Amino acid sequence: MWFARDGERIYSWTEINAYKAKRVRRDPRALIAPCGPTGRPLGPPIAARGRVLTDTRERDRAAAAMRAQWGPGRRLFAFFSRRMTDVHYIEFTPAGPSGEDTPEAE
């Protein structure tokens, strides 16, 4: 899963038909963790809340963060993926100890 960090926010993108976006819409609670290219966790997970971005400005901000943090490999992947389908951008923000939103995430 491609991601980019922007302050307290983590942005990711996924194909429009992927289950990830459907799941986040149904239940925004998530555990996120840094992983290697094979998906093997590199650190402990943190509780987060996700939401699919629908506002054009928010989507543009997420796209800009992705472009700024990933090189030509991601752009090449995006070029070929977008020819097949559109994408959703998902924003993850830290959740409090009980899994509720933290004030700075609102």
Protein backbone atom coordinates (compact mmCIF):
# COMPACT_ATOMS: atom_id res chain seq x y z
CA MET A 1 0.00 0.00 0.00
CA TRP A 2 1.54 3.31 -1.05
CA PHE A 3 1.50 5.97 1.67
CA ALA A 4 2.82 9.43 2.50
CA ARG A 5 3.11 11.30 5.78
CA ASP A 6 2.00 14.91 6.18
CA GLY A 7 2.40 15.97 9.81
CA GLU A 8 0.03 13.83 11.89
CA ARG A 9 -1.73 12.54 8.77
CA ILE A 10 -0.89 9.42 6.81
CA TYR A 11 -2.29 9.31 3.27
CA SER A 12 -2.66 6.19 1.19
CA TRP A 13 -4.31 5.43 -2.11
CA THR A 14 -6.04 2.39 -3.42
CA GLU A 15 -8.00 1.38 -6.49
CA ILE A 16 -11.60 2.51 -6.43
CA ASN A 17 -12.91 -1.09 -6.36
CA ALA A 18 -10.54 -2.27 -3.61
CA TYR A 19 -12.05 -3.51 -0.38
CA LYS A 20 -9.87 -1.20 1.77
CA ALA A 21 -11.95 1.90 1.04
CA LYS A 22 -15.23 0.04 1.57
CA ARG A 23 -13.98 -1.22 4.94
CA VAL A 24 -12.83 2.24 6.09
CA ARG A 25 -16.22 3.69 5.17
CA ARG A 26 -17.99 1.01 7.20
CA ASP A 27 -15.63 1.18 10.21
CA PRO A 28 -12.98 3.93 10.39
CA ARG A 29 -10.95 2.19 13.12
CA ALA A 30 -7.61 0.88 11.92
CA LEU A 31 -4.24 -0.30 13.11
CA ILE A 32 -1.36 1.00 11.01
CA ALA A 33 2.30 0.06 11.20
CA PRO A 34 5.45 0.64 9.19
CA CYS A 35 6.13 -2.36 6.94
CA GLY A 36 8.76 -3.47 4.47
CA PRO A 37 8.10 -4.12 0.77
CA THR A 38 6.81 -7.62 1.53
CA GLY A 39 4.35 -6.41 4.19
CA ARG A 40 6.46 -7.59 7.14
CA PRO A 41 5.93 -5.18 10.10
CA LEU A 42 8.98 -3.07 10.97
CA GLY A 43 7.51 -1.55 14.12
CA PRO A 44 4.54 -1.67 16.47
CA PRO A 45 1.10 -0.69 15.16
CA ILE A 46 -0.75 2.42 16.30
CA ALA A 47 -4.50 2.97 16.52
CA ALA A 48 -5.79 5.29 13.82
CA ARG A 49 -9.02 6.49 12.25
CA GLY A 50 -9.38 6.44 8.49
CA ARG A 51 -11.63 8.23 6.07
CA VAL A 52 -11.97 8.25 2.31
CA LEU A 53 -11.29 11.74 0.99
CA THR A 54 -13.99 13.15 -1.27
CA ASP A 55 -13.19 16.87 -1.22
CA THR A 56 -11.09 17.92 -4.23
CA ARG A 57 -8.71 20.05 -2.14
CA GLU A 58 -8.11 17.22 0.34
CA ARG A 59 -7.51 14.75 -2.50
CA ASP A 60 -5.07 17.22 -4.11
CA ARG A 61 -3.21 17.60 -0.80
CA ALA A 62 -2.94 13.81 -0.45
CA ALA A 63 -1.75 13.46 -4.07
CA ALA A 64 0.87 16.19 -3.54
CA ALA A 65 2.17 14.45 -0.42
CA MET A 66 2.43 11.18 -2.36
CA ARG A 67 4.29 12.84 -5.24
CA ALA A 68 6.69 14.56 -2.84
CA GLN A 69 7.64 11.38 -0.97
CA TRP A 70 7.87 8.75 -3.69
CA GLY A 71 10.10 8.63 -6.71
CA PRO A 72 9.72 7.43 -10.27
CA GLY A 73 8.72 3.87 -9.32
CA ARG A 74 5.50 5.03 -7.71
CA ARG A 75 4.75 7.42 -10.58
CA LEU A 76 5.24 4.60 -13.06
CA PHE A 77 2.96 2.33 -11.02
CA ALA A 78 0.34 5.11 -10.76
CA PHE A 79 0.50 5.76 -14.50
CA PHE A 80 -0.30 2.16 -15.38
CA SER A 81 -2.82 1.68 -12.53
CA ARG A 82 -4.83 4.76 -13.35
CA ARG A 83 -5.26 3.58 -16.89
CA MET A 84 -7.25 0.67 -15.43
CA THR A 85 -9.22 2.42 -12.70
CA ASP A 86 -9.51 5.61 -10.66
CA VAL A 87 -8.21 5.75 -7.08
CA HIS A 88 -9.45 6.66 -3.62
CA TYR A 89 -7.23 8.59 -1.25
CA ILE A 90 -7.57 7.55 2.38
CA GLU A 91 -6.45 9.72 5.30
CA PHE A 92 -5.43 8.14 8.61
CA THR A 93 -5.07 10.19 11.80
CA PRO A 94 -3.96 9.00 15.25
CA ALA A 95 -6.68 7.73 17.54
CA GLY A 96 -6.70 8.21 21.31
CA PRO A 97 -6.05 5.35 23.75
CA SER A 98 -9.68 4.20 23.58
CA GLY A 99 -9.69 4.36 19.76
CA GLU A 100 -11.57 7.68 19.70
CA ASP A 101 -10.37 10.70 17.71
CA THR A 102 -7.74 12.85 19.36
CA PRO A 103 -8.47 16.60 19.45
CA GLU A 104 -5.59 17.40 17.08
CA ALA A 105 -6.95 14.90 14.53
CA GLU A 106 -10.28 16.72 14.19
